[in-house]
Amino acid sequence: MKPEETIRKVVAQNRRARFDYFITEEFEAGIMLTGSEVKALRLGKASINEAHAGEMKGDIYLFNANIPEYGQASHFNHEPKRPRKLLLHRRQIQKLISAIQRKGMTLVPLSVYFTKKGLAKIALGLAKGKNMGDKRDTIKERDWNRDKSRLLRGAD
Protein backbone atom coordinates (compact mmCIF):
# COMPACT_ATOMS: atom_id res chain seq x y z
CA MET A 1 0.00 0.00 0.00
CA LYS A 2 1.19 3.51 -0.77
CA PRO A 3 1.85 5.71 2.30
CA GLU A 4 -0.81 8.27 1.31
CA GLU A 5 -3.49 5.54 1.16
CA THR A 6 -3.00 4.59 4.82
CA ILE A 7 -4.67 7.78 6.06
CA ARG A 8 -7.88 6.82 7.89
CA LYS A 9 -10.80 8.58 9.52
CA VAL A 10 -11.74 6.22 12.35
CA VAL A 11 -15.50 6.09 12.98
CA ALA A 12 -15.77 3.36 15.63
CA GLN A 13 -13.19 1.46 17.61
CA ASN A 14 -13.38 -1.66 19.78
CA ARG A 15 -10.84 -0.75 22.46
CA ARG A 16 -11.68 -3.72 24.64
CA ALA A 17 -10.88 -6.30 21.94
CA ARG A 18 -7.11 -6.24 22.57
CA PHE A 19 -7.74 -6.68 26.29
CA ASP A 20 -10.15 -9.61 25.93
CA TYR A 21 -8.39 -11.45 23.07
CA PHE A 22 -4.96 -12.38 21.73
CA ILE A 23 -5.01 -10.95 18.19
CA THR A 24 -3.00 -13.33 16.00
CA GLU A 25 -3.65 -11.79 12.60
CA GLU A 26 -5.36 -8.67 11.21
CA PHE A 27 -7.41 -8.31 8.04
CA GLU A 28 -8.92 -5.33 6.24
CA ALA A 29 -12.34 -5.84 4.68
CA GLY A 30 -14.89 -3.72 2.91
CA ILE A 31 -18.44 -3.51 4.25
CA MET A 32 -21.57 -3.76 2.12
CA LEU A 33 -23.70 -0.82 3.34
CA THR A 34 -26.84 1.02 2.29
CA GLY A 35 -26.89 4.78 1.70
CA SER A 36 -28.42 5.68 5.06
CA GLU A 37 -25.82 3.54 6.85
CA VAL A 38 -22.97 5.39 5.14
CA LYS A 39 -24.49 8.75 6.13
CA ALA A 40 -24.89 7.60 9.75
CA LEU A 41 -21.26 6.39 9.75
CA ARG A 42 -20.05 9.73 8.37
CA LEU A 43 -21.69 11.38 11.39
CA GLY A 44 -19.57 9.10 13.58
CA LYS A 45 -22.50 7.23 15.06
CA ALA A 46 -21.58 3.57 15.25
CA SER A 47 -20.73 0.99 17.88
CA ILE A 48 -18.82 -2.26 17.34
CA ASN A 49 -18.16 -3.05 21.01
CA GLU A 50 -20.53 -6.03 21.07
CA ALA A 51 -20.04 -7.04 17.43
CA HIS A 52 -18.45 -10.16 15.99
CA ALA A 53 -17.93 -11.61 12.54
CA GLY A 54 -18.79 -15.10 11.43
CA GLU A 55 -19.63 -17.40 8.55
CA MET A 56 -23.08 -17.44 6.94
CA LYS A 57 -23.91 -18.98 3.55
CA GLY A 58 -20.23 -19.38 2.68
CA ASP A 59 -19.40 -15.69 3.26
CA ILE A 60 -18.20 -13.62 6.21
CA TYR A 61 -20.80 -11.36 7.86
CA LEU A 62 -20.61 -8.76 10.62
CA PHE A 63 -23.19 -9.42 13.33
CA ASN A 64 -24.54 -7.17 16.10
CA ALA A 65 -22.77 -3.98 14.94
CA ASN A 66 -24.96 -1.01 15.79
CA ILE A 67 -25.24 1.71 13.14
CA PRO A 68 -28.19 3.85 14.29
CA GLU A 69 -30.84 5.07 11.87
CA TYR A 70 -30.10 8.22 9.91
CA GLY A 71 -32.61 10.94 10.85
CA GLN A 72 -33.17 12.46 7.40
CA ALA A 73 -33.63 9.11 5.59
CA SER A 74 -37.41 8.88 6.27
CA HIS A 75 -38.90 5.50 5.31
CA PHE A 76 -35.74 4.41 3.43
CA ASN A 77 -33.91 3.81 6.69
CA HIS A 78 -32.03 0.64 7.58
CA GLU A 79 -32.23 -1.83 10.44
CA PRO A 80 -29.62 -0.76 13.06
CA LYS A 81 -28.26 -4.24 13.93
CA ARG A 82 -28.72 -6.15 10.68
CA PRO A 83 -26.01 -8.60 9.51
CA ARG A 84 -23.66 -6.87 7.04
CA LYS A 85 -21.68 -8.73 4.42
CA LEU A 86 -17.91 -8.22 4.53
CA LEU A 87 -16.03 -7.97 1.24
CA LEU A 88 -12.93 -10.16 1.20
CA HIS A 89 -11.03 -12.19 -1.37
CA ARG A 90 -12.18 -15.80 -1.75
CA ARG A 91 -8.89 -17.19 -0.37
CA GLN A 92 -9.15 -14.93 2.68
CA ILE A 93 -12.72 -16.09 3.27
CA GLN A 94 -11.68 -19.76 3.11
CA LYS A 95 -8.75 -19.12 5.47
CA LEU A 96 -10.97 -17.31 7.98
CA ILE A 97 -13.73 -19.93 7.87
CA SER A 98 -11.23 -22.72 8.55
CA ALA A 99 -9.67 -20.70 11.39
CA ILE A 100 -13.06 -20.01 12.99
CA GLN A 101 -13.89 -23.71 12.97
CA ARG A 102 -10.75 -24.44 15.00
CA LYS A 103 -11.17 -24.44 18.77
CA GLY A 104 -11.25 -21.04 20.44
CA MET A 105 -10.72 -18.81 17.38
CA THR A 106 -13.08 -15.94 16.56
CA LEU A 107 -13.24 -12.90 14.30
CA VAL A 108 -13.34 -9.63 16.25
CA PRO A 109 -13.90 -6.22 14.64
CA LEU A 110 -11.18 -3.81 15.78
CA SER A 111 -12.22 -0.57 14.04
CA VAL A 112 -14.44 0.89 11.34
CA TYR A 113 -12.96 3.69 9.27
CA PHE A 114 -13.08 5.58 5.98
CA THR A 115 -10.09 5.48 3.66
CA LYS A 116 -8.70 8.50 1.86
CA LYS A 117 -10.81 7.52 -1.15
CA GLY A 118 -13.98 7.58 1.01
CA LEU A 119 -14.53 3.81 1.21
CA ALA A 120 -15.86 2.31 4.44
CA LYS A 121 -13.55 -0.44 5.72
CA ILE A 122 -13.35 -2.60 8.81
CA ALA A 123 -10.24 -3.96 10.52
CA LEU A 124 -10.83 -7.54 11.68
CA GLY A 125 -8.67 -9.50 14.06
CA LEU A 126 -8.40 -13.28 14.13
CA ALA A 127 -8.38 -13.80 17.87
CA LYS A 128 -8.19 -16.34 20.66
CA GLY A 129 -9.88 -15.53 23.96
CA LYS A 130 -7.87 -14.69 27.07
CA ASN A 131 -8.55 -16.23 30.47
CA MET A 132 -8.54 -14.24 33.72
CA GLY A 133 -4.85 -14.91 34.40
CA ASP A 134 -3.87 -13.54 31.00
CA LYS A 135 -5.97 -10.43 31.60
CA ARG A 136 -4.28 -9.88 34.97
CA ASP A 137 -0.88 -10.17 33.27
CA THR A 138 -1.97 -7.56 30.71
CA ILE A 139 -3.03 -5.19 33.50
CA LYS A 140 0.27 -5.70 35.38
CA GLU A 141 2.30 -5.06 32.24
CA ARG A 142 0.31 -1.91 31.41
CA ASP A 143 0.72 -0.57 34.97
CA TRP A 144 4.45 -1.35 34.97
CA ASN A 145 4.96 0.46 31.65
CA ARG A 146 3.07 3.48 32.98
CA ASP A 147 5.16 3.54 36.20
CA LYS A 148 8.38 3.01 34.24
CA SER A 149 7.65 5.97 31.97
CA ARG A 150 6.89 8.14 35.02
CA LEU A 151 10.19 7.15 36.62
CA LEU A 152 12.13 7.85 33.44
CA ARG A 153 10.45 11.23 33.04
CA GLY A 154 11.23 12.10 36.66
CA ALA A 155 14.91 11.08 36.28
CA ASP A 156 15.58 13.68 33.56
Foldseek 3Di string as FASTA:
>chain_A
DDPQFPDWDFLEFQPCDVLFWPFDDKDKWAWDDDPQLLVLSVVSDWYQNPWFWDDDPLFIKIFQIARDWRPPPPPVTDDGGDIITIHDDSVVSVVLHVLVPPPQWTKGWGTWIATPVGTIMIMITTTGGDDPVSSVVVVVVVVVVVVVVVVVVVVD
